[in-house]
Amino acid sequence: MGTDGDKRRAILLCLCIACVLMGLSFFVLDPLSLREEKAPPPVEVARPSDKGGTILVYVVGAVKNPGVYEIPEGSHYYDAVKAAGDVLPYADVNGVNMAEPVTESMKIYIPLDPYMKDPGALGLVNINTAGAKELETLPGVGKVTAEKIIAYREEHGWFNSKEDLKHVPSISDGKFKKLADKITL
């Protein structure tokens, strides 16, 4: 009786193994093509020349916020400069064709006025570009305060308004009132 039981177990074991192998063949070999192969979706590559796209340009020089900007394709220098916050008062735009079209990865340089002055601000000290010696010509600004202005400018970027000068340590409201009509951006 032991041999009949062993034969049955062996047959059952063989049947189980056969079922497992048949099941695996459906997934691995797929003999009946039960699974539907799906082709991967086509990959679209964005090209700068596609209508309605954007391009990257690098705007530097006499602009308020130099850097890399994403602007619509078909834009011009003017659009790129506006994206960078517009030109500074002492920019020399006479030699720049602001209507020129821009292209992908273009570097746009807006030169400085060689005299670093706004024609309407003659005699004023530009707090964004002045060196220590020029800042010291302002009333109440000595060597230490001039260095604090320069350090603040280097850490926080250029001043966006004259009033931003009050954020510099040691520039009180009273000192600012003495400076306000003698400074420019």
C-alpha atoms as a PDB file:
ATOM      1  CA  MET A   1       0.000   0.000   0.000  1.00  0.00           C
ATOM      2  CA  GLY A   2       2.991   2.218   0.555  1.00  0.00           C
ATOM      3  CA  THR A   3       4.030   1.978  -3.075  1.00  0.00           C
ATOM      4  CA  ASP A   4       0.581   2.909  -4.438  1.00  0.00           C
ATOM      5  CA  GLY A   5       0.550   5.977  -2.174  1.00  0.00           C
ATOM      6  CA  ASP A   6       4.053   6.924  -3.283  1.00  0.00           C
ATOM      7  CA  LYS A   7       3.023   6.559  -6.936  1.00  0.00           C
ATOM      8  CA  ARG A   8      -0.020   8.784  -6.349  1.00  0.00           C
ATOM      9  CA  ARG A   9       2.070  11.445  -4.650  1.00  0.00           C
ATOM     10  CA  ALA A  10       4.611  11.331  -7.452  1.00  0.00           C
ATOM     11  CA  ILE A  11       1.839  11.692 -10.077  1.00  0.00           C
ATOM     12  CA  LEU A  12       0.254  14.556  -8.132  1.00  0.00           C
ATOM     13  CA  LEU A  13       3.617  16.256  -7.798  1.00  0.00           C
ATOM     14  CA  CYS A  14       4.234  15.880 -11.549  1.00  0.00           C
ATOM     15  CA  LEU A  15       0.758  17.266 -12.309  1.00  0.00           C
ATOM     16  CA  CYS A  16       1.379  20.284 -10.034  1.00  0.00           C
ATOM     17  CA  ILE A  17       4.723  20.968 -11.654  1.00  0.00           C
ATOM     18  CA  ALA A  18       3.137  20.647 -15.116  1.00  0.00           C
ATOM     19  CA  CYS A  19       0.375  23.131 -14.158  1.00  0.00           C
ATOM     20  CA  VAL A  20       2.912  25.637 -12.840  1.00  0.00           C
ATOM     21  CA  LEU A  21       5.004  25.308 -15.999  1.00  0.00           C
ATOM     22  CA  MET A  22       1.948  25.743 -18.239  1.00  0.00           C
ATOM     23  CA  GLY A  23       0.895  28.816 -16.279  1.00  0.00           C
ATOM     24  CA  LEU A  24       4.357  30.320 -16.599  1.00  0.00           C
ATOM     25  CA  SER A  25       4.381  29.610 -20.336  1.00  0.00           C
ATOM     26  CA  PHE A  26       1.299  31.801 -20.755  1.00  0.00           C
ATOM     27  CA  PHE A  27       3.119  34.750 -19.241  1.00  0.00           C
ATOM     28  CA  VAL A  28       6.594  34.124 -20.574  1.00  0.00           C
ATOM     29  CA  LEU A  29       6.058  32.547 -23.974  1.00  0.00           C
ATOM     30  CA  ASP A  30       2.510  33.875 -24.549  1.00  0.00           C
ATOM     31  CA  PRO A  31       1.578  31.059 -26.963  1.00  0.00           C
ATOM     32  CA  LEU A  32      -2.008  32.170 -27.349  1.00  0.00           C
ATOM     33  CA  SER A  33      -1.206  35.886 -27.663  1.00  0.00           C
ATOM     34  CA  LEU A  34      -3.551  36.692 -24.812  1.00  0.00           C
ATOM     35  CA  ARG A  35      -1.575  39.819 -23.937  1.00  0.00           C
ATOM     36  CA  GLU A  36      -1.740  42.762 -26.266  1.00  0.00           C
ATOM     37  CA  GLU A  37       1.578  44.441 -26.895  1.00  0.00           C
ATOM     38  CA  LYS A  38       1.291  48.207 -26.789  1.00  0.00           C
ATOM     39  CA  ALA A  39       3.778  50.310 -28.657  1.00  0.00           C
ATOM     40  CA  PRO A  40       5.276  53.077 -26.555  1.00  0.00           C
ATOM     41  CA  PRO A  41       3.792  56.491 -27.327  1.00  0.00           C
ATOM     42  CA  PRO A  42       5.868  58.566 -29.708  1.00  0.00           C
ATOM     43  CA  VAL A  43       8.173  60.989 -27.952  1.00  0.00           C
ATOM     44  CA  GLU A  44       7.853  64.578 -29.057  1.00  0.00           C
ATOM     45  CA  VAL A  45      10.985  66.638 -28.833  1.00  0.00           C
ATOM     46  CA  ALA A  46      10.357  70.320 -28.223  1.00  0.00           C
ATOM     47  CA  ARG A  47      12.237  72.400 -30.710  1.00  0.00           C
ATOM     48  CA  PRO A  48      12.833  76.118 -30.377  1.00  0.00           C
ATOM     49  CA  SER A  49      11.472  76.514 -33.881  1.00  0.00           C
ATOM     50  CA  ASP A  50       8.045  75.123 -32.946  1.00  0.00           C
ATOM     51  CA  LYS A  51       5.411  77.814 -33.237  1.00  0.00           C
ATOM     52  CA  GLY A  52       4.432  79.243 -29.873  1.00  0.00           C
ATOM     53  CA  GLY A  53       7.574  77.993 -28.074  1.00  0.00           C
ATOM     54  CA  THR A  54       9.929  79.774 -25.772  1.00  0.00           C
ATOM     55  CA  ILE A  55      13.641  80.429 -25.895  1.00  0.00           C
ATOM     56  CA  LEU A  56      16.284  81.124 -23.271  1.00  0.00           C
ATOM     57  CA  VAL A  57      18.368  84.293 -23.440  1.00  0.00           C
ATOM     58  CA  TYR A  58      21.074  85.664 -21.163  1.00  0.00           C
ATOM     59  CA  VAL A  59      20.703  89.387 -20.434  1.00  0.00           C
ATOM     60  CA  VAL A  60      23.641  91.210 -18.816  1.00  0.00           C
ATOM     61  CA  GLY A  61      25.097  94.657 -18.457  1.00  0.00           C
ATOM     62  CA  ALA A  62      23.148  97.760 -17.483  1.00  0.00           C
ATOM     63  CA  VAL A  63      19.855  96.039 -16.622  1.00  0.00           C
ATOM     64  CA  LYS A  64      18.133  95.880 -13.235  1.00  0.00           C
ATOM     65  CA  ASN A  65      18.154  92.078 -12.912  1.00  0.00           C
ATOM     66  CA  PRO A  66      20.792  90.412 -15.105  1.00  0.00           C
ATOM     67  CA  GLY A  67      20.282  86.698 -15.697  1.00  0.00           C
ATOM     68  CA  VAL A  68      18.819  83.967 -17.889  1.00  0.00           C
ATOM     69  CA  TYR A  69      15.218  84.486 -18.999  1.00  0.00           C
ATOM     70  CA  GLU A  70      12.672  82.360 -20.810  1.00  0.00           C
ATOM     71  CA  ILE A  71      10.825  84.527 -23.318  1.00  0.00           C
ATOM     72  CA  PRO A  72       8.434  83.746 -26.176  1.00  0.00           C
ATOM     73  CA  GLU A  73       9.979  82.806 -29.478  1.00  0.00           C
ATOM     74  CA  GLY A  74       9.899  85.684 -31.919  1.00  0.00           C
ATOM     75  CA  SER A  75      10.814  88.198 -29.191  1.00  0.00           C
ATOM     76  CA  HIS A  76      13.213  91.085 -29.658  1.00  0.00           C
ATOM     77  CA  TYR A  77      15.970  92.684 -27.583  1.00  0.00           C
ATOM     78  CA  TYR A  78      13.343  94.997 -26.113  1.00  0.00           C
ATOM     79  CA  ASP A  79      11.338  92.035 -24.733  1.00  0.00           C
ATOM     80  CA  ALA A  80      14.431  90.407 -23.228  1.00  0.00           C
ATOM     81  CA  VAL A  81      15.497  93.653 -21.553  1.00  0.00           C
ATOM     82  CA  LYS A  82      11.983  94.145 -20.142  1.00  0.00           C
ATOM     83  CA  ALA A  83      12.131  90.586 -18.728  1.00  0.00           C
ATOM     84  CA  ALA A  84      15.358  91.605 -16.968  1.00  0.00           C
ATOM     85  CA  GLY A  85      13.609  94.529 -15.280  1.00  0.00           C
ATOM     86  CA  ASP A  86      14.452  97.179 -17.906  1.00  0.00           C
ATOM     87  CA  VAL A  87      17.630  99.200 -18.364  1.00  0.00           C
ATOM     88  CA  LEU A  88      19.289 101.173 -15.632  1.00  0.00           C
ATOM     89  CA  PRO A  89      19.310 104.983 -15.882  1.00  0.00           C
ATOM     90  CA  TYR A  90      22.958 104.991 -16.985  1.00  0.00           C
ATOM     91  CA  ALA A  91      22.598 102.379 -19.734  1.00  0.00           C
ATOM     92  CA  ASP A  92      23.907 103.363 -23.135  1.00  0.00           C
ATOM     93  CA  VAL A  93      21.193 102.015 -25.439  1.00  0.00           C
ATOM     94  CA  ASN A  94      22.111 104.245 -28.386  1.00  0.00           C
ATOM     95  CA  GLY A  95      24.325 101.521 -29.845  1.00  0.00           C
ATOM     96  CA  VAL A  96      21.830  98.696 -29.235  1.00  0.00           C
ATOM     97  CA  ASN A  97      19.118  97.841 -31.747  1.00  0.00           C
ATOM     98  CA  MET A  98      16.254  97.115 -29.348  1.00  0.00           C
ATOM     99  CA  ALA A  99      14.112  95.931 -32.296  1.00  0.00           C
ATOM    100  CA  GLU A 100      16.565  93.162 -33.238  1.00  0.00           C
ATOM    101  CA  PRO A 101      15.083  89.644 -32.989  1.00  0.00           C
ATOM    102  CA  VAL A 102      16.617  87.275 -30.457  1.00  0.00           C
ATOM    103  CA  THR A 103      17.465  83.604 -30.893  1.00  0.00           C
ATOM    104  CA  GLU A 104      17.881  80.633 -28.560  1.00  0.00           C
ATOM    105  CA  SER A 105      20.855  80.887 -26.152  1.00  0.00           C
ATOM    106  CA  MET A 106      21.686  84.452 -27.201  1.00  0.00           C
ATOM    107  CA  LYS A 107      23.657  86.691 -24.848  1.00  0.00           C
ATOM    108  CA  ILE A 108      22.316  90.234 -24.816  1.00  0.00           C
ATOM    109  CA  TYR A 109      24.686  92.854 -23.469  1.00  0.00           C
ATOM    110  CA  ILE A 110      23.458  96.347 -22.620  1.00  0.00           C
ATOM    111  CA  PRO A 111      26.514  98.587 -22.264  1.00  0.00           C
ATOM    112  CA  LEU A 112      27.017 101.172 -19.558  1.00  0.00           C
ATOM    113  CA  ASP A 113      27.272 104.874 -20.228  1.00  0.00           C
ATOM    114  CA  PRO A 114      31.049 105.449 -20.055  1.00  0.00           C
ATOM    115  CA  TYR A 115      30.443 108.338 -17.643  1.00  0.00           C
ATOM    116  CA  MET A 116      28.102 106.172 -15.499  1.00  0.00           C
ATOM    117  CA  LYS A 117      25.629 108.984 -15.128  1.00  0.00           C
ATOM    118  CA  ASP A 118      22.029 109.540 -16.033  1.00  0.00           C
ATOM    119  CA  PRO A 119      21.959 112.709 -18.167  1.00  0.00           C
ATOM    120  CA  GLY A 120      19.110 113.990 -16.003  1.00  0.00           C
ATOM    121  CA  ALA A 121      20.977 113.173 -12.798  1.00  0.00           C
ATOM    122  CA  LEU A 122      24.198 115.135 -13.243  1.00  0.00           C
ATOM    123  CA  GLY A 123      25.909 115.685  -9.945  1.00  0.00           C
ATOM    124  CA  LEU A 124      24.025 112.869  -8.210  1.00  0.00           C
ATOM    125  CA  VAL A 125      25.729 109.802  -6.754  1.00  0.00           C
ATOM    126  CA  ASN A 126      24.466 106.475  -8.082  1.00  0.00           C
ATOM    127  CA  ILE A 127      24.096 104.241  -5.021  1.00  0.00           C
ATOM    128  CA  ASN A 128      24.100 101.105  -7.222  1.00  0.00           C
ATOM    129  CA  THR A 129      27.442 101.728  -8.876  1.00  0.00           C
ATOM    130  CA  ALA A 130      29.374 104.250  -6.792  1.00  0.00           C
ATOM    131  CA  GLY A 131      32.614 103.202  -5.209  1.00  0.00           C
ATOM    132  CA  ALA A 132      33.579 104.019  -1.638  1.00  0.00           C
ATOM    133  CA  LYS A 133      35.269 107.323  -2.541  1.00  0.00           C
ATOM    134  CA  GLU A 134      32.231 108.564  -4.467  1.00  0.00           C
ATOM    135  CA  LEU A 135      29.849 107.516  -1.651  1.00  0.00           C
ATOM    136  CA  GLU A 136      31.999 109.410   0.842  1.00  0.00           C
ATOM    137  CA  THR A 137      31.185 112.652  -0.994  1.00  0.00           C
ATOM    138  CA  LEU A 138      27.620 112.385   0.339  1.00  0.00           C
ATOM    139  CA  PRO A 139      26.785 114.333   3.510  1.00  0.00           C
ATOM    140  CA  GLY A 140      27.137 112.202   6.628  1.00  0.00           C
ATOM    141  CA  VAL A 141      28.708 109.261   4.766  1.00  0.00           C
ATOM    142  CA  GLY A 142      32.211 108.399   5.876  1.00  0.00           C
ATOM    143  CA  LYS A 143      34.465 105.487   5.077  1.00  0.00           C
ATOM    144  CA  VAL A 144      32.622 103.041   7.403  1.00  0.00           C
ATOM    145  CA  THR A 145      29.142 103.905   6.099  1.00  0.00           C
ATOM    146  CA  ALA A 146      30.358 103.760   2.480  1.00  0.00           C
ATOM    147  CA  GLU A 147      31.726 100.260   3.131  1.00  0.00           C
ATOM    148  CA  LYS A 148      28.404  99.243   4.712  1.00  0.00           C
ATOM    149  CA  ILE A 149      26.510 100.482   1.637  1.00  0.00           C
ATOM    150  CA  ILE A 150      28.794  98.512  -0.672  1.00  0.00           C
ATOM    151  CA  ALA A 151      28.602  95.392   1.520  1.00  0.00           C
ATOM    152  CA  TYR A 152      24.795  95.606   1.624  1.00  0.00           C
ATOM    153  CA  ARG A 153      24.670  96.048  -2.165  1.00  0.00           C
ATOM    154  CA  GLU A 154      26.934  93.020  -2.693  1.00  0.00           C
ATOM    155  CA  GLU A 155      24.867  90.846  -0.362  1.00  0.00           C
ATOM    156  CA  HIS A 156      21.343  91.913  -1.387  1.00  0.00           C
ATOM    157  CA  GLY A 157      21.785  93.156  -4.960  1.00  0.00           C
ATOM    158  CA  TRP A 158      21.194  96.598  -6.334  1.00  0.00           C
ATOM    159  CA  PHE A 159      18.837  99.049  -4.729  1.00  0.00           C
ATOM    160  CA  ASN A 160      15.437  99.195  -6.436  1.00  0.00           C
ATOM    161  CA  SER A 161      14.478 102.528  -4.899  1.00  0.00           C
ATOM    162  CA  LYS A 162      16.271 105.298  -3.051  1.00  0.00           C
ATOM    163  CA  GLU A 163      14.355 104.343   0.109  1.00  0.00           C
ATOM    164  CA  ASP A 164      16.016 100.902   0.062  1.00  0.00           C
ATOM    165  CA  LEU A 165      19.134 102.695   1.303  1.00  0.00           C
ATOM    166  CA  LYS A 166      17.446 102.861   4.739  1.00  0.00           C
ATOM    167  CA  HIS A 167      17.937  99.086   5.032  1.00  0.00           C
ATOM    168  CA  VAL A 168      21.689  99.643   5.336  1.00  0.00           C
ATOM    169  CA  PRO A 169      22.822  99.604   8.973  1.00  0.00           C
ATOM    170  CA  SER A 170      23.604 103.157  10.192  1.00  0.00           C
ATOM    171  CA  ILE A 171      21.374 104.890   7.595  1.00  0.00           C
ATOM    172  CA  SER A 172      18.620 106.380   9.726  1.00  0.00           C
ATOM    173  CA  ASP A 173      15.588 108.284   8.474  1.00  0.00           C
ATOM    174  CA  GLY A 174      17.334 111.542   9.370  1.00  0.00           C
ATOM    175  CA  LYS A 175      20.502 110.648   7.457  1.00  0.00           C
ATOM    176  CA  PHE A 176      18.419 109.439   4.508  1.00  0.00           C
ATOM    177  CA  LYS A 177      16.583 112.793   4.325  1.00  0.00           C
ATOM    178  CA  LYS A 178      19.962 114.543   3.963  1.00  0.00           C
ATOM    179  CA  LEU A 179      20.946 112.106   1.162  1.00  0.00           C
ATOM    180  CA  ALA A 180      17.684 111.678  -0.775  1.00  0.00           C
ATOM    181  CA  ASP A 181      18.136 114.628  -3.147  1.00  0.00           C
ATOM    182  CA  LYS A 182      21.806 113.805  -3.778  1.00  0.00           C
ATOM    183  CA  ILE A 183      21.473 110.170  -4.851  1.00  0.00           C
ATOM    184  CA  THR A 184      20.122 108.298  -7.849  1.00  0.00           C
ATOM    185  CA  LEU A 185      19.774 104.706  -9.027  1.00  0.00           C
END
